[in-house]
Amino acid sequence: MWVFIRDYSSNIRKNKRSGELIFGDKIMSAIDVFDKNIERANDLFKAHRGTFPKGKPPASWGADILRSSLVFAVASLDAYMHDKVAESIPTMVKNRNENMPGGFVGLMKEQVSYDQLLKILFKDRPLEHFRTAVKRHYAVKTIQNVAEIEKLIGVLGITDFWFKLSQAVNKRRGRVKKHSKKTIKEFIQPYVTRRHQIVHEADLYTSKKHNNDKRPIKVGFTENAIKHISIFVKSIDKVIDFNI
């Protein structure tokens, strides 16, 4: 059976000046890029379901397709957070005027000297230079777990973020379980933890008791990872856009 995974790469290019991704003639927003990335995770999941339909025992390598799908899903979250903070900086700076968030001020002190800052102020599109500085700061950082997301939100100056995010998730159509600002922090953490186990431990048990056996991974767990990460990111996007 042939399973085709869509490839968008031939239609996507990067603006050399701004670093923005362009799909065809359209500049892609952070959420546009996320949608394409999470679809790649979903395509891998569908490839597994197509190759191993319900009732057919999967081959030993079948679980690795699920692991790949889950890693892609978490990577989609990470890429989104990088793109969204950079995308939001010009609007945030323009709206805040002199009342800049402490997280943003601290970051800029690390990235830009006083002399460089004076030069930036007299350049064309100075706000784009602030965006580039923030993007440079996060270039080699992962933004996946609660603590990392919280720091990034601090750069944008959004207060009471977890409460606002829980409200955004709870308002989504079809949501049965309601989240508080405490439980929303746990919404995607199992998938991030599992991603770390796959990436850093090859998804093997580390205890002598299990003799380096692979950890089992379930179809439903992987499916929920894609679904929950998508809900989480789309809700974050609304909260950021409404509060910067």
Protein backbone atom coordinates (compact mmCIF):
# COMPACT_ATOMS: atom_id res chain seq x y z
CA MET A 1 0.00 0.00 0.00
CA TRP A 2 1.35 3.44 -0.96
CA VAL A 3 1.00 6.27 1.54
CA PHE A 4 1.78 9.79 0.37
CA ILE A 5 2.95 12.49 2.78
CA ARG A 6 2.46 15.99 1.40
CA ASP A 7 5.55 18.13 0.82
CA TYR A 8 5.14 21.92 0.88
CA SER A 9 8.85 22.73 0.64
CA SER A 10 8.92 23.47 -3.09
CA ASN A 11 6.29 26.21 -2.64
CA ILE A 12 7.84 27.85 0.41
CA ARG A 13 10.67 30.38 0.32
CA LYS A 14 12.24 32.71 2.87
CA ASN A 15 12.47 36.49 2.65
CA LYS A 16 16.23 37.12 2.96
CA ARG A 17 15.74 40.47 4.68
CA SER A 18 13.04 39.68 7.24
CA GLY A 19 13.36 35.91 7.53
CA GLU A 20 9.60 35.55 6.96
CA LEU A 21 8.36 32.45 5.16
CA ILE A 22 6.40 33.01 1.96
CA PHE A 23 4.01 30.42 0.52
CA GLY A 24 3.44 31.27 -3.13
CA ASP A 25 2.92 35.06 -3.00
CA LYS A 26 1.61 35.15 0.57
CA ILE A 27 3.70 35.93 3.66
CA MET A 28 2.95 33.13 6.09
CA SER A 29 1.97 34.00 9.63
CA ALA A 30 3.18 31.90 12.56
CA ILE A 31 -0.17 30.12 12.72
CA ASP A 32 -0.10 29.44 8.94
CA VAL A 33 3.29 27.75 9.32
CA PHE A 34 2.03 25.80 12.32
CA ASP A 35 -0.96 24.50 10.34
CA LYS A 36 1.34 23.13 7.67
CA ASN A 37 3.74 21.62 10.22
CA ILE A 38 1.04 19.92 12.32
CA GLU A 39 -0.40 18.52 9.09
CA ARG A 40 2.92 16.79 8.51
CA ALA A 41 2.59 15.15 11.94
CA ASN A 42 -0.96 14.15 11.05
CA ASP A 43 0.14 12.72 7.71
CA LEU A 44 2.63 10.48 9.50
CA PHE A 45 -0.14 9.34 11.83
CA LYS A 46 -2.39 8.60 8.85
CA ALA A 47 0.47 6.70 7.21
CA HIS A 48 0.59 4.44 10.27
CA ARG A 49 -3.17 3.91 10.26
CA GLY A 50 -3.15 3.18 6.55
CA THR A 51 -0.31 0.70 6.83
CA PHE A 52 -1.60 -0.95 10.00
CA PRO A 53 -5.43 -0.74 10.03
CA LYS A 54 -7.33 -1.65 13.17
CA GLY A 55 -7.11 -5.37 13.87
CA LYS A 56 -3.85 -5.86 11.98
CA PRO A 57 -0.86 -6.34 14.33
CA PRO A 58 1.74 -3.66 13.50
CA ALA A 59 5.27 -4.59 12.52
CA SER A 60 7.98 -3.83 15.08
CA TRP A 61 8.90 -0.64 13.18
CA GLY A 62 5.31 0.59 13.09
CA ALA A 63 5.61 2.20 16.51
CA ASP A 64 8.47 4.33 15.19
CA ILE A 65 6.04 5.99 12.77
CA LEU A 66 3.94 6.99 15.77
CA ARG A 67 7.05 8.26 17.56
CA SER A 68 7.99 10.30 14.50
CA SER A 69 4.49 11.75 14.34
CA LEU A 70 4.60 12.77 18.00
CA VAL A 71 8.05 14.37 17.65
CA PHE A 72 6.81 16.34 14.62
CA ALA A 73 3.77 17.53 16.59
CA VAL A 74 5.90 18.87 19.45
CA ALA A 75 8.34 20.39 16.93
CA SER A 76 5.36 22.21 15.39
CA LEU A 77 4.64 23.79 18.77
CA ASP A 78 8.29 24.76 19.21
CA ALA A 79 8.53 26.31 15.73
CA TYR A 80 5.28 28.20 16.30
CA MET A 81 6.50 29.76 19.56
CA HIS A 82 9.70 30.95 17.86
CA ASP A 83 7.78 32.40 14.92
CA LYS A 84 5.02 33.98 17.03
CA VAL A 85 7.24 35.91 19.42
CA ALA A 86 9.23 37.37 16.51
CA GLU A 87 6.05 38.14 14.56
CA SER A 88 4.49 39.91 17.57
CA ILE A 89 7.39 42.15 18.61
CA PRO A 90 6.77 45.08 16.18
CA THR A 91 3.08 45.30 17.13
CA MET A 92 3.84 44.97 20.85
CA VAL A 93 6.50 47.72 20.78
CA LYS A 94 4.26 50.04 18.77
CA ASN A 95 1.30 49.53 21.12
CA ARG A 96 3.29 49.84 24.33
CA ASN A 97 5.15 53.06 23.52
CA GLU A 98 7.23 53.75 26.66
CA ASN A 99 5.64 51.06 28.83
CA MET A 100 7.83 48.16 27.72
CA PRO A 101 7.61 44.73 29.43
CA GLY A 102 10.53 43.95 31.73
CA GLY A 103 11.17 40.68 29.90
CA PHE A 104 11.57 42.50 26.60
CA VAL A 105 13.81 45.22 28.10
CA GLY A 106 16.05 42.60 29.71
CA LEU A 107 16.32 40.64 26.48
CA MET A 108 17.23 43.73 24.47
CA LYS A 109 19.95 44.65 26.97
CA GLU A 110 21.49 41.23 26.33
CA GLN A 111 21.22 41.43 22.56
CA VAL A 112 21.78 45.09 21.68
CA SER A 113 24.40 47.52 23.01
CA TYR A 114 23.53 51.17 23.69
CA ASP A 115 25.45 52.25 20.56
CA GLN A 116 23.62 49.70 18.43
CA LEU A 117 20.29 50.82 19.86
CA LEU A 118 20.94 54.42 18.82
CA LYS A 119 21.78 53.26 15.30
CA ILE A 120 18.62 51.14 15.13
CA LEU A 121 16.41 54.10 16.05
CA PHE A 122 17.56 56.00 12.96
CA LYS A 123 17.26 53.10 10.52
CA ASP A 124 14.38 52.34 8.21
CA ARG A 125 11.83 50.04 9.87
CA PRO A 126 13.49 50.11 13.34
CA LEU A 127 10.84 47.77 14.75
CA GLU A 128 12.04 45.06 12.40
CA HIS A 129 15.49 45.29 13.99
CA PHE A 130 13.95 44.65 17.41
CA ARG A 131 12.20 41.62 15.94
CA THR A 132 15.49 40.34 14.51
CA ALA A 133 17.21 40.75 17.91
CA VAL A 134 14.49 38.70 19.62
CA LYS A 135 14.65 36.06 16.91
CA ARG A 136 18.43 35.84 17.34
CA HIS A 137 18.02 35.40 21.11
CA TYR A 138 15.71 32.41 20.69
CA ALA A 139 17.48 30.87 17.69
CA VAL A 140 19.08 27.97 19.58
CA LYS A 141 16.53 27.66 22.40
CA THR A 142 13.70 25.15 22.59
CA ILE A 143 10.29 26.52 23.60
CA GLN A 144 8.16 23.53 24.50
CA ASN A 145 7.48 23.22 28.21
CA VAL A 146 5.56 25.46 30.61
CA ALA A 147 8.57 27.35 32.02
CA GLU A 148 9.95 28.21 28.56
CA ILE A 149 6.56 29.34 27.24
CA GLU A 150 6.05 31.47 30.36
CA LYS A 151 9.37 33.28 29.80
CA LEU A 152 8.48 33.99 26.20
CA ILE A 153 5.07 35.35 27.15
CA GLY A 154 6.86 37.63 29.64
CA VAL A 155 8.79 39.17 26.74
CA LEU A 156 5.44 40.11 25.20
CA GLY A 157 4.21 41.51 28.51
CA ILE A 158 0.99 39.46 28.70
CA THR A 159 -0.22 39.18 32.29
CA ASP A 160 -2.24 36.31 33.80
CA PHE A 161 -1.48 34.31 30.67
CA TRP A 162 -2.44 30.85 31.93
CA PHE A 163 -5.86 32.02 33.07
CA LYS A 164 -6.47 33.67 29.70
CA LEU A 165 -5.29 30.56 27.89
CA SER A 166 -7.53 28.28 29.96
CA GLN A 167 -10.48 30.49 29.07
CA ALA A 168 -9.60 30.38 25.36
CA VAL A 169 -9.33 26.57 25.42
CA ASN A 170 -12.58 26.20 27.37
CA LYS A 171 -14.45 28.30 24.80
CA ARG A 172 -13.52 26.02 21.92
CA ARG A 173 -16.48 24.21 20.43
CA GLY A 174 -16.83 20.64 21.60
CA ARG A 175 -14.66 21.03 24.71
CA VAL A 176 -16.17 18.94 27.51
CA LYS A 177 -13.44 19.04 30.16
CA LYS A 178 -12.88 22.54 31.52
CA HIS A 179 -9.41 23.70 32.49
CA SER A 180 -8.20 26.04 35.21
CA LYS A 181 -5.02 28.11 34.95
CA LYS A 182 -3.32 25.28 36.86
CA THR A 183 -4.54 22.31 34.81
CA ILE A 184 -4.00 24.04 31.46
CA LYS A 185 -0.26 23.86 32.17
CA GLU A 186 -0.53 20.07 32.12
CA PHE A 187 -2.55 19.94 28.88
CA ILE A 188 0.37 19.10 26.58
CA GLN A 189 3.11 18.26 29.08
CA PRO A 190 2.78 14.43 28.66
CA TYR A 191 3.54 14.81 24.94
CA VAL A 192 6.52 17.11 25.54
CA THR A 193 7.90 14.67 28.11
CA ARG A 194 7.46 11.77 25.71
CA ARG A 195 9.17 13.75 22.94
CA HIS A 196 12.19 14.20 25.23
CA GLN A 197 12.24 10.45 25.96
CA ILE A 198 12.19 9.68 22.24
CA VAL A 199 14.81 12.26 21.29
CA HIS A 200 17.20 11.86 24.21
CA GLU A 201 16.72 8.20 25.16
CA ALA A 202 15.58 6.65 21.85
CA ASP A 203 12.37 5.85 23.78
CA LEU A 204 14.07 3.03 25.69
CA TYR A 205 13.49 2.23 29.35
CA THR A 206 16.59 3.27 31.29
CA SER A 207 16.22 0.89 34.24
CA LYS A 208 18.05 -2.44 34.41
CA LYS A 209 14.71 -4.11 35.16
CA HIS A 210 13.50 -3.50 31.59
CA ASN A 211 16.87 -4.22 29.96
CA ASN A 212 16.63 -1.26 27.53
CA ASP A 213 13.31 -2.40 26.07
CA LYS A 214 11.35 0.10 24.02
CA ARG A 215 8.60 1.99 25.77
CA PRO A 216 5.26 1.11 24.14
CA ILE A 217 3.43 3.93 22.38
CA LYS A 218 -0.30 3.84 21.73
CA VAL A 219 -2.23 5.02 18.70
CA GLY A 220 -4.66 6.99 20.87
CA PHE A 221 -1.84 8.76 22.72
CA THR A 222 -0.28 9.92 19.45
CA GLU A 223 -3.64 10.99 18.02
CA ASN A 224 -4.34 13.02 21.18
CA ALA A 225 -0.89 14.62 21.00
CA ILE A 226 -1.68 16.05 17.56
CA LYS A 227 -5.19 17.11 18.59
CA HIS A 228 -4.23 18.68 21.94
CA ILE A 229 -1.16 20.50 20.62
CA SER A 230 -3.29 21.97 17.83
CA ILE A 231 -5.91 23.20 20.34
CA PHE A 232 -3.16 24.56 22.61
CA VAL A 233 -1.39 26.51 19.85
CA LYS A 234 -4.52 27.93 18.24
CA SER A 235 -5.69 29.13 21.66
CA ILE A 236 -2.29 30.70 22.38
CA ASP A 237 -2.48 32.50 19.04
CA LYS A 238 -5.81 34.10 20.01
CA VAL A 239 -4.55 35.11 23.46
CA ILE A 240 -1.39 36.73 22.08
CA ASP A 241 -3.17 38.58 19.27
CA PHE A 242 -5.82 39.93 21.65
CA ASN A 243 -3.39 41.02 24.38
CA ILE A 244 -0.43 42.64 22.65
